[in-house]
Protein backbone atom coordinates (compact mmCIF):
# COMPACT_ATOMS: atom_id res chain seq x y z
CA MET A 1 0.00 0.00 0.00
CA PHE A 2 2.85 2.37 0.81
CA TRP A 3 4.46 1.94 -2.60
CA VAL A 4 1.11 2.26 -4.34
CA ILE A 5 0.32 5.48 -2.49
CA LEU A 6 3.84 6.78 -3.15
CA ALA A 7 3.62 6.00 -6.87
CA THR A 8 0.17 7.61 -7.07
CA GLY A 9 1.44 10.72 -5.30
CA VAL A 10 4.45 10.99 -7.61
CA ILE A 11 2.22 10.66 -10.68
CA LEU A 12 -0.19 13.31 -9.36
CA LEU A 13 2.70 15.64 -8.50
CA ALA A 14 4.23 15.16 -11.94
CA GLY A 15 0.85 15.88 -13.53
CA MET A 16 0.43 19.04 -11.48
CA LEU A 17 3.93 20.23 -12.42
CA ALA A 18 3.32 19.49 -16.10
CA GLY A 19 0.01 21.35 -15.96
CA SER A 20 1.62 24.33 -14.23
CA ILE A 21 4.43 24.47 -16.80
CA ALA A 22 1.94 24.23 -19.68
CA TYR A 23 -0.21 26.97 -18.13
CA LEU A 24 2.79 29.27 -17.64
CA THR A 25 3.98 28.62 -21.21
CA LEU A 26 0.57 29.44 -22.67
CA THR A 27 0.32 32.53 -20.47
CA VAL A 28 3.72 33.82 -21.64
CA LYS A 29 2.74 33.19 -25.28
CA ALA A 30 -0.55 35.03 -24.78
CA VAL A 31 1.22 37.99 -23.15
CA ASN A 32 3.76 38.15 -26.00
CA LEU A 33 0.99 37.94 -28.61
CA ASN A 34 -0.94 40.74 -26.90
CA ARG A 35 2.20 42.87 -26.81
CA ARG A 36 2.87 42.26 -30.52
CA GLN A 37 -0.75 43.03 -31.37
CA SER A 38 -0.51 46.27 -29.39
CA ASN A 39 2.68 47.19 -31.30
CA PHE A 40 0.91 46.31 -34.55
CA ILE A 41 -2.03 48.60 -33.71
CA ASP A 42 0.38 51.40 -32.76
CA SER A 43 2.35 51.07 -35.98
CA VAL A 44 -0.74 50.82 -38.22
CA THR A 45 -2.30 53.81 -36.46
CA HIS A 46 0.88 55.81 -37.04
CA GLU A 47 1.06 54.67 -40.66
CA LEU A 48 -2.52 55.84 -41.21
CA LYS A 49 -2.42 59.11 -39.28
CA SER A 50 0.88 60.45 -40.62
CA PRO A 51 -0.04 60.56 -44.35
CA ILE A 52 -3.60 61.65 -43.59
CA ALA A 53 -2.34 64.56 -41.45
CA SER A 54 0.13 65.47 -44.18
CA LEU A 55 -2.56 65.38 -46.89
CA LYS A 56 -4.87 67.52 -44.74
CA LEU A 57 -2.14 70.11 -44.18
CA TYR A 58 -1.27 70.41 -47.87
CA LEU A 59 -4.92 70.61 -48.93
CA GLN A 60 -5.67 73.28 -46.34
CA THR A 61 -2.66 75.28 -47.50
CA LEU A 62 -3.73 75.06 -51.15
CA THR A 63 -7.29 76.08 -50.22
CA ARG A 64 -6.51 79.01 -47.95
CA ARG A 65 -3.41 80.49 -49.54
CA ASN A 66 -2.20 81.43 -52.97
CA VAL A 67 0.98 79.47 -53.61
CA GLY A 68 3.29 79.61 -56.58
CA GLU A 69 3.25 77.08 -59.40
CA GLU A 70 6.52 75.50 -58.31
CA GLN A 71 5.28 75.10 -54.74
CA GLN A 72 2.01 73.62 -56.02
CA LEU A 73 3.99 71.01 -57.93
CA ASP A 74 5.92 70.18 -54.76
CA PHE A 75 2.68 69.88 -52.78
CA HIS A 76 1.17 67.60 -55.41
CA ARG A 77 4.28 65.41 -55.37
CA PHE A 78 4.21 65.16 -51.56
CA MET A 79 0.49 64.31 -51.58
CA LEU A 80 1.05 61.61 -54.20
CA GLU A 81 3.76 60.09 -52.02
CA ASP A 82 1.35 60.05 -49.05
CA VAL A 83 -1.35 58.38 -51.17
CA GLU A 84 1.15 55.76 -52.36
CA ARG A 85 2.15 55.14 -48.74
CA LEU A 86 -1.49 54.56 -47.79
CA ASP A 87 -2.03 52.35 -50.83
CA SER A 88 1.03 50.25 -49.95
CA LEU A 89 -0.17 49.81 -46.36
CA ILE A 90 -3.67 48.76 -47.44
CA ASN A 91 -2.30 46.28 -49.98
CA HIS A 92 -0.03 44.86 -47.29
CA LEU A 93 -2.93 44.31 -44.90
CA LEU A 94 -5.11 42.82 -47.66
CA ASP A 95 -2.32 40.42 -48.67
CA ALA A 96 -2.00 39.28 -45.07
CA ALA A 97 -5.76 38.77 -44.71
CA ARG A 98 -6.05 36.80 -47.96
CA ILE A 99 -3.15 34.53 -47.12
CA GLU A 100 -4.44 33.92 -43.58
CA ARG A 101 -7.80 32.86 -45.07
CA GLY A 102 -6.13 30.80 -47.77
CA THR A 103 -8.03 32.56 -50.55
CA GLU A 104 -5.06 33.55 -52.69
CA PRO A 105 -5.35 32.41 -56.33
CA SER A 106 -3.64 29.08 -56.93
CA GLU A 107 -3.36 29.06 -60.74
CA MET A 108 0.02 27.79 -61.89
CA GLU A 109 1.70 29.74 -64.66
CA ASP A 110 5.12 30.06 -66.25
CA VAL A 111 6.88 32.95 -64.51
CA ARG A 112 10.06 34.61 -65.74
CA LEU A 113 11.94 34.97 -62.45
CA ASP A 114 14.53 37.39 -63.85
CA GLN A 115 11.79 39.77 -65.02
CA LEU A 116 9.88 39.51 -61.74
CA LEU A 117 12.98 40.31 -59.65
CA GLY A 118 13.75 43.26 -61.91
CA GLN A 119 10.22 44.64 -61.56
CA CYS A 120 10.23 44.29 -57.76
CA SER A 121 13.65 45.98 -57.56
CA THR A 122 12.58 48.91 -59.75
CA ALA A 123 9.41 49.39 -57.69
CA ALA A 124 11.40 49.39 -54.43
CA CYS A 125 13.84 52.01 -55.78
CA LEU A 126 10.94 54.23 -56.80
CA ARG A 127 9.17 53.74 -53.47
CA TYR A 128 12.21 54.77 -51.41
CA ARG A 129 13.51 57.28 -53.97
CA VAL A 130 16.96 55.73 -54.25
CA PRO A 131 19.07 55.32 -57.41
CA GLU A 132 18.31 52.26 -59.51
CA ASP A 133 21.87 50.96 -59.03
CA THR A 134 21.13 50.64 -55.30
CA ILE A 135 19.80 47.15 -56.09
CA MET A 136 21.98 44.86 -58.18
CA VAL A 137 20.06 41.97 -59.73
CA GLU A 138 22.14 38.98 -60.83
CA CYS A 139 19.73 36.50 -62.38
CA PRO A 140 19.97 34.54 -65.63
CA ARG A 141 16.88 33.84 -67.67
CA ILE A 142 14.92 31.46 -65.41
CA THR A 143 11.36 30.26 -65.95
CA LEU A 144 9.40 28.75 -63.06
CA ARG A 145 6.07 26.97 -63.00
CA SER A 146 4.49 28.63 -59.98
CA GLN A 147 1.92 31.17 -58.77
CA PRO A 148 2.88 34.64 -60.03
CA VAL A 149 0.83 36.57 -57.44
CA GLN A 150 2.44 34.68 -54.58
CA LEU A 151 5.95 35.11 -55.95
CA GLU A 152 5.37 38.83 -56.42
CA ILE A 153 4.28 39.19 -52.76
CA LEU A 154 7.26 37.13 -51.63
CA PHE A 155 10.01 39.07 -53.42
CA ARG A 156 8.32 42.46 -53.09
CA ASN A 157 8.44 42.13 -49.29
CA LEU A 158 12.00 40.78 -49.15
CA ILE A 159 13.46 43.42 -51.47
CA ASP A 160 11.44 46.14 -49.77
CA ASN A 161 12.85 45.07 -46.38
CA ALA A 162 16.40 44.97 -47.75
CA VAL A 163 16.17 48.54 -49.04
CA LYS A 164 14.33 49.81 -45.95
CA TYR A 165 16.86 48.44 -43.46
CA GLY A 166 19.98 48.84 -45.60
CA GLY A 167 23.04 50.80 -44.57
CA ASN A 168 24.15 54.27 -45.60
CA PRO A 169 24.49 54.33 -48.53
CA ARG A 170 22.12 51.46 -49.17
CA ALA A 171 23.37 48.53 -51.23
CA VAL A 172 21.28 45.44 -52.01
CA VAL A 173 22.21 42.38 -54.06
CA VAL A 174 19.56 40.04 -55.45
CA ARG A 175 21.18 36.87 -56.79
CA ALA A 176 19.49 33.80 -58.30
CA ARG A 177 20.99 30.53 -59.46
CA VAL A 178 19.85 27.05 -60.43
CA ALA A 179 20.80 24.34 -57.93
CA HIS A 180 20.54 20.57 -58.02
CA GLU A 181 17.23 18.71 -58.27
CA GLN A 182 15.71 21.47 -60.40
CA GLN A 183 15.73 23.95 -57.54
CA VAL A 184 16.26 27.69 -57.79
CA ILE A 185 18.03 29.55 -54.97
CA VAL A 186 17.41 33.28 -54.62
CA SER A 187 19.49 35.34 -52.17
CA ILE A 188 18.59 38.88 -51.07
CA ILE A 189 21.53 40.56 -49.32
CA ASP A 190 21.60 44.01 -47.72
CA ASN A 191 24.29 45.99 -45.92
CA GLY A 192 22.28 46.96 -42.84
CA ASN A 193 22.80 46.19 -39.16
CA GLY A 194 21.70 42.57 -39.50
CA ILE A 195 19.44 40.43 -37.32
CA PRO A 196 20.65 38.98 -33.99
CA ALA A 197 21.09 35.20 -34.02
CA ASN A 198 18.46 34.67 -31.30
CA GLN A 199 15.88 36.62 -33.35
CA LYS A 200 16.26 34.89 -36.72
CA ARG A 201 13.35 32.52 -36.17
CA LYS A 202 11.17 35.02 -34.32
CA VAL A 203 11.17 37.66 -37.07
CA PHE A 204 8.94 35.43 -39.21
CA GLY A 205 6.18 35.59 -36.58
CA ARG A 206 3.06 37.68 -36.98
CA PHE A 207 3.32 41.32 -35.76
CA VAL A 208 7.00 40.81 -34.81
CA ARG A 209 9.28 43.83 -35.14
CA LEU A 210 12.69 44.17 -33.53
CA GLY A 211 13.29 46.90 -30.98
CA ASN A 212 11.01 49.36 -29.27
CA GLU A 213 8.02 50.58 -31.29
CA LEU A 214 8.51 54.17 -30.11
CA GLU A 215 12.19 54.24 -31.07
CA ARG A 216 11.95 52.94 -34.62
CA SER A 217 12.94 55.16 -37.51
CA GLN A 218 11.38 52.97 -40.21
CA PRO A 219 7.63 52.45 -40.76
CA GLY A 220 6.14 48.98 -40.85
CA THR A 221 3.50 46.64 -39.50
CA GLY A 222 5.45 43.51 -38.59
CA LEU A 223 3.63 41.48 -41.25
CA GLY A 224 6.19 41.50 -44.07
CA LEU A 225 8.32 38.52 -43.05
CA HIS A 226 5.24 36.69 -41.78
CA LEU A 227 3.86 36.97 -45.30
CA VAL A 228 7.19 35.82 -46.73
CA ARG A 229 7.19 32.64 -44.66
CA ASN A 230 3.56 31.75 -45.43
CA VAL A 231 3.85 32.51 -49.14
CA THR A 232 7.04 30.48 -49.45
CA LYS A 233 5.33 27.50 -47.87
CA SER A 234 2.28 27.89 -50.12
CA VAL A 235 4.44 27.65 -53.28
CA GLY A 236 6.32 24.64 -51.93
CA GLY A 237 9.56 26.41 -51.09
CA SER A 238 11.52 27.41 -48.01
CA VAL A 239 13.16 30.54 -46.63
CA ARG A 240 15.91 31.06 -44.08
CA ILE A 241 18.33 33.70 -42.82
CA LEU A 242 21.97 32.81 -43.39
CA ASP A 243 24.74 33.52 -40.91
CA ARG A 244 26.82 36.57 -41.94
CA SER A 245 28.74 37.08 -38.70
CA ASP A 246 31.90 38.01 -40.63
CA GLN A 247 30.11 40.58 -42.84
CA PRO A 248 27.56 43.34 -42.18
CA GLY A 249 23.98 43.00 -43.27
CA THR A 250 21.41 40.25 -43.63
CA GLU A 251 21.04 37.52 -46.24
CA PHE A 252 17.68 35.88 -46.88
CA GLN A 253 17.81 32.69 -48.93
CA VAL A 254 14.70 31.41 -50.71
CA ILE A 255 14.62 27.94 -52.28
CA LEU A 256 11.96 27.43 -54.95
CA ARG A 257 10.90 24.43 -56.99
CA GLY A 258 9.13 24.14 -60.32
CA LEU A 259 12.00 25.03 -62.67
CA VAL A 260 10.91 24.91 -66.30
CA SER A 261 14.04 26.20 -68.00
CA ASP A 262 17.07 28.38 -67.43
CA GLU A 263 19.58 30.18 -69.60
CA ALA A 264 22.33 27.59 -69.20
CA ALA A 265 20.03 24.65 -69.93
CA ASP A 266 18.57 26.42 -72.98
CA ALA A 267 22.05 27.14 -74.30
CA GLY A 268 23.00 23.49 -73.80
CA ASP A 269 19.90 22.28 -75.57
CA ALA A 270 20.53 24.66 -78.47
CA GLY A 271 24.11 23.40 -78.78
CA SER A 272 22.95 19.78 -78.78
CA GLU A 273 20.40 20.48 -81.50
CA SER A 274 23.03 22.30 -83.59
CA SER A 275 25.48 19.41 -83.30
CA HIS A 276 22.78 16.92 -84.15
CA THR A 277 21.81 18.91 -87.24
CA LYS A 278 25.39 19.01 -88.45
């Protein structure tokens, strides 16, 4: 009876400890999620109020005062930038909502990866008003069988992040190559401050942004890398942050499948056909 009672007590104690640990773990996760959601609300509120306040100020100035033609052009340019900022934020939130619901289009099409990377790079340079040579794209002619909308969201967010958090002056390299087993590896490298090793997995979480929300100099919602991770999974790929401890900056590596053709393979096929014809 003594050993039975002892064994029962040990089992009950172990169960109570396991329950307490599970409860504390869930509580900590809930607190962290609430904190991230609060940061997300703060950042979205700031992203909405800042351009709206700017637009209101410019419109009031144009209505109440006579300004010169050159100043009017400047005001119109500033207002267009604010509208683009709002449009980008809304598209970001809509992308996140669609992917969370799983309602993104799933049609498979042939996508020219080199053209897509070039378009995303040009758009990022225009958005941040940096020279086009800020982003160097090194990609041969590669065609993938994938979902173009998903790939556009994936690389738009990664290249946007690289430019946003780059150094001074900013320098971003986008490099793609064909690997074994018909895989394509795309690397996006910036020259910013980098991501601490203990944060490399956390940054892909929803609403996660490094640092204090009130001390950040760059706008954002904490959804960009969360979208990157989910989109990469949806197209059957993977994404990771490589270790660059010996160099400044951050390197994101995306592995994609669905290779249809690439420049080297096409050149080899053309050479084979030419030899065969001779």
